[in-house]
Protein backbone atom coordinates (compact mmCIF):
# COMPACT_ATOMS: atom_id res chain seq x y z
CA MET A 1 -89.17 -67.18 23.76
CA SER A 2 -90.53 -63.64 23.17
CA SER A 3 -88.15 -63.14 20.27
CA TRP A 4 -90.19 -65.60 18.22
CA HIS A 5 -93.26 -63.39 18.11
CA CYS A 6 -94.07 -60.19 16.26
CA ALA A 7 -93.23 -56.88 17.89
CA ARG A 8 -95.75 -55.44 20.35
CA THR A 9 -93.84 -53.20 22.74
CA GLN A 10 -92.77 -49.60 22.34
CA SER A 11 -89.12 -50.60 22.58
CA ASP A 12 -89.62 -53.01 19.67
CA ARG A 13 -91.25 -50.27 17.58
CA SER A 14 -88.32 -47.91 18.08
CA MET A 15 -85.70 -50.60 17.51
CA HIS A 16 -83.83 -50.36 14.19
CA PRO A 17 -81.48 -53.26 13.51
CA GLU A 18 -78.32 -52.63 11.55
CA ILE A 19 -79.26 -55.46 9.19
CA LEU A 20 -82.76 -56.62 8.30
CA VAL A 21 -83.04 -60.10 6.75
CA ILE A 22 -86.33 -60.73 4.95
CA GLY A 23 -87.43 -64.36 4.81
CA GLY A 24 -87.14 -67.36 7.08
CA GLY A 25 -85.64 -70.15 5.00
CA ALA A 26 -82.12 -71.50 4.61
CA ALA A 27 -80.74 -68.40 2.85
CA ALA A 28 -82.17 -66.03 5.46
CA LEU A 29 -80.80 -68.08 8.33
CA ALA A 30 -77.34 -68.41 6.79
CA ALA A 31 -77.27 -64.66 6.14
CA SER A 32 -78.44 -63.83 9.68
CA ILE A 33 -75.91 -66.13 11.29
CA GLU A 34 -72.96 -64.74 9.31
CA ALA A 35 -74.01 -61.11 9.80
CA ARG A 36 -74.45 -61.62 13.54
CA ARG A 37 -71.11 -63.40 13.83
CA ALA A 38 -69.58 -60.32 12.18
CA GLY A 39 -70.87 -58.23 15.08
CA CYS A 40 -73.96 -56.59 13.56
CA SER A 41 -77.39 -56.38 15.15
CA VAL A 42 -79.73 -58.47 12.99
CA MET A 43 -83.47 -58.87 12.70
CA LEU A 44 -84.91 -61.78 10.73
CA ALA A 45 -88.48 -61.09 9.60
CA GLU A 46 -90.38 -64.21 8.52
CA ARG A 47 -93.90 -63.83 7.17
CA ALA A 48 -94.93 -67.34 8.17
CA PRO A 49 -96.19 -68.57 11.54
CA TRP A 50 -94.19 -71.14 13.48
CA HIS A 51 -95.54 -74.23 11.71
CA LEU A 52 -94.82 -72.83 8.22
CA ARG A 53 -91.56 -71.02 8.92
CA GLY A 54 -88.72 -71.84 6.58
CA GLY A 55 -90.37 -71.66 3.16
CA ASN A 56 -89.56 -74.44 0.72
CA ALA A 57 -86.50 -75.50 2.72
CA ARG A 58 -88.93 -77.43 4.94
CA HIS A 59 -89.31 -79.90 2.07
CA ALA A 60 -85.60 -80.23 1.25
CA ARG A 61 -83.82 -83.52 1.63
CA ASN A 62 -80.39 -83.00 0.05
CA LEU A 63 -77.93 -80.43 -1.24
CA ARG A 64 -75.31 -80.55 -3.98
CA LEU A 65 -71.74 -80.20 -2.70
CA ALA A 66 -68.34 -80.33 -4.34
CA HIS A 67 -65.80 -82.39 -2.42
CA LEU A 68 -62.24 -83.44 -3.21
CA ALA A 69 -62.17 -86.71 -1.28
CA PRO A 70 -64.63 -89.31 0.02
CA ASN A 71 -66.26 -88.40 3.33
CA PRO A 72 -68.76 -90.04 5.69
CA PHE A 73 -71.68 -88.43 3.86
CA SER A 74 -70.72 -88.80 0.21
CA PRO A 75 -68.62 -91.44 -1.59
CA GLY A 76 -66.03 -90.73 -4.26
CA VAL A 77 -65.12 -87.20 -5.30
CA TYR A 78 -67.04 -84.39 -6.98
CA PRO A 79 -64.58 -81.69 -8.01
CA PRO A 80 -65.73 -78.07 -8.45
CA ALA A 81 -64.90 -78.29 -12.16
CA GLU A 82 -67.34 -81.18 -12.61
CA PHE A 83 -70.02 -79.38 -10.58
CA TRP A 84 -69.61 -76.33 -12.81
CA SER A 85 -69.78 -78.49 -15.93
CA ASP A 86 -73.01 -80.07 -14.68
CA LEU A 87 -74.48 -76.63 -13.95
CA LYS A 88 -73.60 -75.32 -17.40
CA ARG A 89 -75.15 -78.36 -19.03
CA ALA A 90 -78.36 -78.20 -16.97
CA THR A 91 -78.84 -74.50 -17.70
CA GLN A 92 -77.68 -74.78 -21.32
CA GLY A 93 -74.85 -72.36 -20.65
CA THR A 94 -77.04 -69.58 -19.24
CA ALA A 95 -75.69 -69.61 -15.65
CA ASP A 96 -73.68 -66.51 -14.68
CA PRO A 97 -70.06 -67.74 -14.89
CA ILE A 98 -68.74 -65.62 -12.01
CA LEU A 99 -71.55 -66.51 -9.62
CA GLY A 100 -71.42 -70.10 -10.81
CA GLN A 101 -67.74 -70.44 -9.97
CA MET A 102 -68.41 -68.86 -6.58
CA LEU A 103 -71.18 -71.37 -5.95
CA VAL A 104 -69.15 -74.47 -6.71
CA GLU A 105 -66.04 -73.28 -4.86
CA ARG A 106 -67.92 -72.15 -1.74
CA SER A 107 -69.94 -75.37 -1.67
CA LEU A 108 -66.71 -77.05 -0.54
CA GLU A 109 -67.17 -75.32 2.84
CA LEU A 110 -70.76 -76.30 3.52
CA THR A 111 -70.32 -79.75 5.07
CA GLU A 112 -68.07 -78.37 7.79
CA TRP A 113 -70.26 -75.28 8.24
CA LEU A 114 -73.44 -77.31 8.65
CA LEU A 115 -71.90 -79.78 11.08
CA ALA A 116 -70.48 -76.92 13.16
CA ALA A 117 -73.98 -75.40 13.21
CA GLY A 118 -75.38 -78.64 14.62
CA VAL A 119 -77.11 -79.77 11.41
CA PRO A 120 -76.91 -83.59 11.11
CA LEU A 121 -76.15 -85.24 7.78
CA GLN A 122 -77.02 -88.76 6.70
CA PRO A 123 -74.00 -91.11 6.88
CA VAL A 124 -73.45 -93.21 3.76
CA ARG A 125 -72.74 -96.28 5.86
CA ASP A 126 -76.39 -96.42 6.99
CA HIS A 127 -77.52 -97.33 3.44
CA LEU A 128 -80.91 -95.71 4.13
CA LEU A 129 -80.85 -93.40 1.11
CA PRO A 130 -79.35 -93.65 -2.38
CA GLU A 131 -75.60 -93.11 -2.37
CA SER A 132 -74.57 -90.04 -4.33
CA ARG A 133 -71.18 -88.49 -4.81
CA ARG A 134 -72.88 -85.27 -5.96
CA THR A 135 -75.33 -84.69 -3.13
CA VAL A 136 -75.42 -85.00 0.64
CA PHE A 137 -78.66 -85.91 2.42
CA LEU A 138 -79.95 -84.13 5.50
CA LEU A 139 -80.56 -86.39 8.48
CA GLY A 140 -84.11 -85.48 9.46
CA GLY A 141 -84.70 -83.50 6.28
CA GLY A 142 -85.29 -79.81 5.84
CA LYS A 143 -87.22 -79.31 9.07
CA THR A 144 -84.29 -80.52 11.13
CA LEU A 145 -81.99 -78.21 9.17
CA LEU A 146 -84.27 -75.27 9.93
CA ASN A 147 -84.72 -76.17 13.60
CA ARG A 148 -80.96 -76.30 14.15
CA LEU A 149 -80.25 -73.06 12.25
CA TYR A 150 -83.05 -71.19 14.03
CA ALA A 151 -81.69 -72.37 17.37
CA LEU A 152 -78.19 -71.22 16.43
CA ALA A 153 -79.42 -67.85 15.20
CA GLU A 154 -81.28 -67.26 18.44
CA ARG A 155 -78.25 -68.25 20.55
CA LEU A 156 -76.15 -65.76 18.61
CA GLY A 157 -78.63 -62.99 19.36
CA VAL A 158 -80.51 -62.66 16.08
CA LEU A 159 -83.90 -61.04 16.75
CA ILE A 160 -86.44 -63.34 15.12
CA ARG A 161 -89.85 -62.01 14.18
CA LEU A 162 -92.39 -64.53 12.91
CA GLU A 163 -95.71 -63.57 11.29
CA THR A 164 -94.04 -60.36 10.16
CA GLU A 165 -94.42 -59.33 6.53
CA ILE A 166 -92.13 -56.67 5.08
CA ILE A 167 -93.91 -54.24 2.75
CA GLY A 168 -93.58 -50.73 1.35
CA PRO A 169 -89.91 -50.58 0.33
CA LYS A 170 -88.76 -47.07 -0.62
CA ILE A 171 -85.76 -46.71 -2.91
CA ALA A 172 -84.15 -43.29 -3.37
CA GLY A 173 -80.69 -42.15 -4.39
CA GLY A 174 -79.42 -45.66 -5.03
CA ARG A 175 -80.38 -46.85 -1.53
CA LEU A 176 -83.22 -48.69 0.12
CA GLU A 177 -84.28 -46.03 2.60
CA GLU A 178 -87.03 -47.71 4.61
CA LEU A 179 -89.59 -50.49 4.80
CA ILE A 180 -92.63 -51.36 6.88
CA GLY A 181 -92.92 -54.44 9.06
CA ARG A 182 -96.52 -55.60 9.38
CA CYS A 183 -97.63 -58.09 12.00
CA ARG A 184 -101.38 -58.58 12.10
CA THR A 185 -102.70 -55.01 12.50
CA GLU A 186 -99.47 -53.52 13.83
CA LEU A 187 -97.05 -51.60 11.62
CA GLN A 188 -93.40 -50.90 12.38
CA ARG A 189 -91.30 -48.47 10.35
CA LEU A 190 -87.83 -49.90 9.72
CA ARG A 191 -84.73 -48.05 8.58
CA PRO A 192 -81.93 -50.63 8.77
CA ARG A 193 -78.52 -49.76 7.42
CA ALA A 194 -78.58 -52.84 5.18
CA VAL A 195 -81.25 -55.25 3.97
CA ILE A 196 -80.91 -58.82 2.70
CA VAL A 197 -83.86 -60.14 0.67
CA CYS A 198 -84.31 -63.92 0.94
CA CYS A 199 -88.04 -64.39 0.36
CA GLY A 200 -88.19 -66.37 -2.88
CA GLY A 201 -90.19 -65.97 -6.07
CA PHE A 202 -93.96 -65.89 -6.67
CA GLN A 203 -95.09 -69.47 -7.23
CA ALA A 204 -97.97 -69.16 -4.74
CA ASN A 205 -99.34 -65.99 -6.38
CA ARG A 206 -102.16 -67.11 -8.69
CA VAL A 207 -102.82 -63.57 -9.93
CA TRP A 208 -99.20 -63.15 -11.03
CA LEU A 209 -99.13 -66.61 -12.61
CA ARG A 210 -102.31 -65.95 -14.60
CA ARG A 211 -100.66 -62.93 -16.23
CA HIS A 212 -98.22 -65.27 -17.95
CA TRP A 213 -100.01 -68.64 -17.99
CA GLY A 214 -103.61 -67.61 -18.51
CA GLN A 215 -106.19 -70.16 -17.39
CA ALA A 216 -103.50 -72.86 -17.31
CA ALA A 217 -102.30 -71.33 -14.02
CA ASP A 218 -105.40 -72.74 -12.33
CA GLY A 219 -104.23 -76.26 -13.20
CA LEU A 220 -100.86 -75.87 -11.46
CA ILE A 221 -100.19 -77.21 -7.99
CA ASN A 222 -97.78 -75.29 -5.76
CA ARG A 223 -95.55 -77.89 -4.12
CA GLY A 224 -94.13 -75.40 -1.61
CA SER A 225 -95.12 -72.72 0.84
CA PRO A 226 -98.40 -70.86 0.22
CA LEU A 227 -96.70 -67.65 1.43
CA ILE A 228 -94.17 -67.25 -1.40
CA THR A 229 -96.25 -64.71 -3.30
CA GLY A 230 -93.65 -62.21 -4.51
CA GLU A 231 -95.20 -58.86 -3.53
CA LEU A 232 -91.90 -57.51 -2.23
CA LEU A 233 -90.13 -58.70 -5.39
CA ALA A 234 -92.74 -56.90 -7.51
CA ASP A 235 -92.34 -53.68 -5.49
CA LEU A 236 -88.56 -53.71 -5.85
CA LEU A 237 -88.75 -54.34 -9.59
CA ALA A 238 -91.27 -51.51 -9.95
CA GLN A 239 -88.83 -49.15 -8.25
CA GLY A 240 -85.91 -49.90 -10.54
CA ALA A 241 -84.29 -53.11 -9.31
CA GLN A 242 -83.07 -55.18 -12.24
CA ALA A 243 -85.01 -58.32 -13.02
CA ILE A 244 -83.38 -61.50 -14.21
CA GLY A 245 -85.03 -64.61 -15.59
CA ASP A 246 -88.27 -65.27 -17.43
CA PRO A 247 -91.53 -64.68 -15.50
CA ARG A 248 -93.30 -67.09 -17.86
CA GLU A 249 -91.17 -70.04 -16.82
CA ALA A 250 -91.17 -72.26 -13.74
CA TYR A 251 -89.65 -75.52 -12.59
CA LEU A 252 -92.44 -78.08 -12.83
CA VAL A 253 -92.66 -81.78 -12.00
CA ALA A 254 -95.46 -84.33 -12.28
CA VAL A 255 -97.38 -84.64 -9.01
CA ASP A 256 -100.50 -86.46 -7.94
CA ALA A 257 -103.53 -84.39 -8.94
CA ARG A 258 -105.06 -85.13 -5.53
CA SER A 259 -102.28 -83.21 -3.79
CA PRO A 260 -103.20 -80.11 -1.78
CA PRO A 261 -103.05 -76.87 -3.79
CA ASP A 262 -100.06 -75.74 -1.71
CA ASP A 263 -97.28 -77.23 0.38
CA GLY A 264 -97.48 -80.90 -0.60
CA GLY A 265 -93.70 -81.14 -0.97
CA ILE A 266 -91.58 -83.84 -2.55
CA VAL A 267 -93.75 -86.78 -1.42
CA THR A 268 -96.51 -85.86 -3.92
CA ARG A 269 -94.25 -86.52 -6.92
CA ILE A 270 -95.29 -89.24 -9.41
CA ARG A 271 -92.29 -91.46 -10.11
CA GLY A 272 -93.58 -94.54 -11.94
CA ILE A 273 -94.24 -93.14 -15.42
CA PRO A 274 -91.70 -95.43 -17.21
CA GLU A 275 -93.62 -98.48 -15.93
CA GLY A 276 -96.85 -97.69 -17.79
CA ILE A 277 -98.42 -95.26 -20.23
CA ALA A 278 -99.62 -91.70 -19.72
CA VAL A 279 -102.89 -90.57 -21.30
CA ASP A 280 -104.70 -87.23 -21.38
CA ARG A 281 -108.33 -86.66 -20.42
CA GLU A 282 -109.37 -87.87 -23.90
CA GLY A 283 -107.56 -91.17 -23.38
CA GLN A 284 -104.76 -90.34 -25.83
CA ARG A 285 -101.04 -90.88 -25.42
CA ARG A 286 -98.95 -87.80 -26.23
CA GLU A 287 -95.34 -88.60 -25.26
CA ASP A 288 -92.76 -91.39 -25.07
CA GLU A 289 -93.03 -92.62 -21.48
CA GLY A 290 -89.72 -94.46 -21.77
CA GLY A 291 -87.75 -91.72 -23.50
CA ASN A 292 -86.10 -90.52 -20.29
CA THR A 293 -85.73 -92.69 -17.21
CA ALA A 294 -83.24 -90.44 -15.36
CA SER A 295 -84.24 -88.01 -12.61
CA THR A 296 -84.71 -85.31 -15.26
CA ARG A 297 -87.94 -87.04 -16.31
CA TYR A 298 -89.76 -85.37 -13.43
CA ALA A 299 -89.24 -81.90 -14.90
CA LEU A 300 -90.00 -83.11 -18.44
CA TRP A 301 -93.37 -84.48 -17.39
CA GLY A 302 -94.25 -81.41 -15.35
CA ARG A 303 -93.71 -79.22 -18.40
CA ARG A 304 -95.63 -81.62 -20.64
CA LEU A 305 -98.64 -81.77 -18.34
CA ALA A 306 -98.78 -77.99 -18.25
CA ASP A 307 -99.46 -78.06 -22.00
CA TRP A 308 -102.05 -80.87 -21.93
CA PRO A 309 -105.80 -80.12 -22.04
CA GLY A 310 -106.90 -79.06 -18.58
CA GLN A 311 -103.34 -79.63 -17.28
CA ILE A 312 -104.36 -83.18 -16.34
CA GLY A 313 -103.04 -86.62 -17.26
CA TYR A 314 -103.22 -90.19 -15.97
CA LEU A 315 -100.49 -92.74 -15.41
CA ILE A 316 -101.93 -96.15 -16.36
CA LEU A 317 -100.41 -99.32 -14.88
CA ASP A 318 -101.35 -102.96 -14.86
CA ALA A 319 -100.54 -105.22 -11.91
CA ARG A 320 -96.97 -105.84 -13.14
CA GLY A 321 -96.31 -102.13 -13.62
CA PHE A 322 -97.78 -101.33 -10.23
CA ARG A 323 -95.44 -103.81 -8.55
CA ALA A 324 -92.45 -102.32 -10.39
CA ALA A 325 -93.33 -98.66 -9.77
CA PRO A 326 -91.89 -96.84 -6.75
CA PRO A 327 -94.28 -96.36 -3.81
CA ALA A 328 -96.58 -93.34 -4.01
CA LEU A 329 -98.14 -91.15 -1.33
CA TYR A 330 -101.72 -91.68 -2.50
CA PRO A 331 -103.25 -95.06 -3.38
CA PRO A 332 -103.99 -95.62 -7.07
CA MET A 333 -107.45 -95.52 -8.58
CA SER A 334 -108.07 -99.16 -9.48
CA ALA A 335 -110.51 -101.34 -11.42
CA PRO A 336 -110.61 -104.97 -12.60
CA THR A 337 -110.83 -104.05 -16.30
CA PRO A 338 -109.56 -101.22 -18.52
CA ARG A 339 -113.15 -100.21 -19.35
CA GLN A 340 -114.10 -99.88 -15.69
CA LEU A 341 -110.93 -97.91 -15.02
CA ALA A 342 -111.74 -95.50 -17.86
CA LEU A 343 -115.23 -94.96 -16.49
CA ARG A 344 -113.83 -94.27 -13.06
CA LEU A 345 -111.46 -91.67 -14.54
CA GLY A 346 -114.16 -90.03 -16.61
CA ILE A 347 -112.43 -91.00 -19.88
CA ASP A 348 -114.35 -92.28 -22.91
CA PRO A 349 -113.96 -96.09 -22.59
CA GLN A 350 -113.82 -96.65 -26.35
CA ALA A 351 -111.07 -94.06 -26.89
CA PHE A 352 -109.14 -95.47 -23.94
CA SER A 353 -109.47 -99.05 -25.22
CA ARG A 354 -108.22 -98.03 -28.67
CA THR A 355 -105.17 -96.39 -27.12
CA LEU A 356 -104.42 -99.35 -24.87
CA ASP A 357 -104.98 -101.94 -27.63
CA ALA A 358 -102.72 -100.05 -30.05
CA TYR A 359 -100.00 -99.81 -27.42
CA ASN A 360 -100.16 -103.50 -26.48
CA ALA A 361 -100.13 -104.56 -30.14
CA ALA A 362 -97.01 -102.45 -30.81
CA VAL A 363 -94.98 -103.85 -27.91
CA GLN A 364 -92.02 -105.92 -29.09
CA PRO A 365 -89.50 -107.69 -26.88
CA THR A 366 -85.85 -106.90 -27.54
CA GLU A 367 -83.29 -109.58 -28.31
CA THR A 368 -81.99 -109.48 -24.74
CA GLY A 369 -85.53 -109.64 -23.39
CA ASP A 370 -84.92 -107.20 -20.55
CA ASP A 371 -86.06 -103.87 -22.04
CA TRP A 372 -88.92 -103.88 -24.51
CA GLN A 373 -89.95 -101.18 -26.97
CA THR A 374 -92.76 -100.47 -29.40
CA GLN A 375 -92.71 -100.69 -33.18
CA GLY A 376 -94.86 -98.60 -35.51
CA LEU A 377 -96.51 -96.66 -32.70
CA ILE A 378 -96.70 -92.86 -32.63
CA PRO A 379 -95.56 -91.65 -30.23
CA PRO A 380 -93.29 -94.64 -29.54
CA LYS A 381 -92.27 -96.01 -26.20
CA THR A 382 -88.55 -96.61 -26.49
CA HIS A 383 -87.81 -98.25 -23.13
CA ARG A 384 -89.69 -100.43 -20.64
CA ALA A 385 -92.55 -100.94 -23.10
CA TYR A 386 -94.14 -103.92 -21.40
CA PRO A 387 -97.73 -104.81 -22.31
CA LEU A 388 -100.47 -103.75 -19.91
CA LEU A 389 -102.46 -106.98 -19.59
CA GLU A 390 -102.38 -108.18 -16.00
CA PRO A 391 -105.39 -107.15 -13.88
CA PRO A 392 -106.22 -105.24 -11.82
CA PHE A 393 -105.53 -101.97 -13.61
CA HIS A 394 -104.43 -98.80 -11.83
CA ALA A 395 -104.21 -95.07 -12.50
CA TYR A 396 -102.60 -92.08 -10.85
CA PRO A 397 -104.08 -88.69 -11.83
CA MET A 398 -101.29 -86.20 -12.55
CA ARG A 399 -100.92 -82.43 -12.66
CA PRO A 400 -97.90 -80.14 -13.05
CA GLY A 401 -96.47 -79.28 -9.65
CA MET A 402 -94.62 -75.96 -9.40
CA THR A 403 -91.46 -75.87 -7.30
CA PHE A 404 -90.17 -72.37 -8.04
CA THR A 405 -90.37 -69.59 -10.60
CA TYR A 406 -87.53 -68.41 -12.81
CA GLN A 407 -87.63 -64.64 -12.25
CA GLY A 408 -85.82 -62.77 -9.50
CA LEU A 409 -83.37 -60.00 -8.68
CA ALA A 410 -80.13 -59.55 -10.62
CA VAL A 411 -77.10 -59.42 -8.31
CA GLY A 412 -73.36 -58.97 -8.57
CA PRO A 413 -70.64 -61.11 -6.98
CA ASP A 414 -71.12 -59.25 -3.68
CA THR A 415 -74.86 -60.14 -3.83
CA ARG A 416 -75.81 -56.45 -4.10
CA VAL A 417 -79.02 -56.01 -6.08
CA ARG A 418 -78.41 -54.39 -9.45
CA LEU A 419 -80.37 -51.46 -10.83
CA ALA A 420 -82.05 -51.70 -14.22
CA GLY A 421 -80.50 -48.36 -15.18
CA GLY A 422 -76.98 -49.45 -14.25
CA GLY A 423 -75.04 -49.81 -11.03
CA ALA A 424 -76.31 -51.42 -7.86
CA LEU A 425 -78.24 -50.51 -4.74
CA GLU A 426 -75.78 -49.52 -2.05
CA ASN A 427 -77.39 -51.32 0.88
CA LEU A 428 -79.67 -53.99 -0.63
CA PHE A 429 -78.45 -57.57 -0.94
CA ALA A 430 -80.22 -60.76 -2.03
CA ALA A 431 -79.71 -64.48 -1.47
CA GLY A 432 -81.49 -67.75 -2.09
CA MET A 433 -84.28 -68.30 -4.57
CA THR A 434 -84.81 -64.54 -4.91
CA MET A 435 -81.52 -64.37 -6.83
CA ALA A 436 -81.24 -68.00 -7.97
CA PRO A 437 -82.20 -67.14 -11.60
CA ASN A 438 -78.73 -65.58 -11.92
CA LEU A 439 -77.43 -69.14 -11.64
CA MET A 440 -80.29 -71.15 -13.12
CA PRO A 441 -82.48 -69.10 -15.43
CA GLN A 442 -83.59 -72.50 -16.72
CA GLY A 443 -83.06 -76.14 -15.82
CA TYR A 444 -82.17 -77.66 -12.47
CA LEU A 445 -79.87 -80.08 -10.69
CA SER A 446 -80.84 -82.17 -7.68
CA GLY A 447 -80.01 -80.36 -4.44
CA LEU A 448 -79.07 -77.12 -6.20
CA ALA A 449 -81.64 -74.80 -4.61
CA LEU A 450 -80.50 -75.49 -1.06
CA THR A 451 -76.85 -75.11 -2.04
CA ILE A 452 -77.54 -71.73 -3.66
CA SER A 453 -79.46 -70.65 -0.57
CA LEU A 454 -76.73 -71.57 1.91
CA VAL A 455 -73.75 -70.41 -0.16
CA PHE A 456 -75.18 -67.04 -1.13
CA GLY A 457 -76.94 -66.57 2.19
CA ARG A 458 -73.55 -66.76 3.85
CA ILE A 459 -71.98 -64.43 1.29
CA ALA A 460 -74.80 -61.89 1.61
CA GLY A 461 -74.52 -61.87 5.41
CA ILE A 462 -70.77 -61.30 5.26
CA GLU A 463 -71.04 -58.59 2.58
CA ALA A 464 -73.87 -56.75 4.34
CA ALA A 465 -71.89 -56.76 7.58
CA ARG A 466 -68.82 -55.48 5.76
CA TYR A 467 -70.90 -52.63 4.37
CA VAL A 468 -72.39 -51.76 7.78
CA ARG A 469 -69.00 -51.88 9.51
CA GLY A 470 -67.46 -49.72 6.78
């Protein structure tokens, strides 16, 4: 298994692969596999050690796929035209139309490609996960996906280097001329004929985030890998690569404030907000907790919390709301009375009681009796406005959890990285979240990130190999 470790021998130092793939997640693996199948020598350089390899794909559970007929993994149909319509709506029409059409059309191929690669998918008949005609679930999650793709890449002869960071890119004459591979204290000069960048954004880089968020950056939790810090992205942009997307924006969701600062993944998400009320550290409500009960509420609440004092909030539930809320990773903070709960949270008990009393007094049952709302309350609660009266009382502390940032490298349909001054770099390609802002400069759809990574990883591998083979 020597190919899993960073280079140490003289032969490794003098070895120059035809194609260097930077990153170790789904996009990098798809690119490596396709480039190797095309006959090129390929090195995959992953900054992470074994237990962290794969970036945010380790936390994936599903991907969004168009399909023209029901299949064992997804009921109904999801035509490419509907996928494209959903993408345009989610991004408010800002997705690149050419790349967007490529994404939805090439997603038709992914089920067969994954199964052929040995990646298991969750059959619908098992009824273990929510049925969706828009997404397919990974059996075993993202780690199984990565394990199978790494095994395939190694069988094909891809040289895999873990704990290897790529630094010092040098661009000259419209080409990426060389880079440095750094593993611990060892440096390796690399001059591949083509390079594919698949190393994500900068959501784990607190210094970069503070430039745009100020002190609020310290209140953000990074849901994904602590190694996605964006230094290579910054170096390429500084040397003339064209940026796309807004560095001040990120995809945020509400997560438990007790989550680790990095790498907590999807399980840290707070899902029960419609069942209670959300208050800030002063004990005040700020938003309609029932205004959106679809999956998009996660992103809405992440963005809201980022603007709250101290980037902190609390989901308050009574016993009924706690029973109705989806299970959470961490146990709630609980108390027999609202006053005791406020004291435990460090909130002024009088302010909290005023907020809770005003909410309970405004709750009005609807005529059907199955979905209550408030009257005369600002802000209102327009759905599931049940009174919070049944002890004990519970709270989940919440912070904004960052999934990915919205700035990356601009690319063309062949995934070549564009230059800010016009044209494109001859031998530099990009795939995955590094170029995802071309497709989603704002907004998100469930399963979209993994689909972008696999579709454009495959395209980048094929295009880089075509360039190398002439």
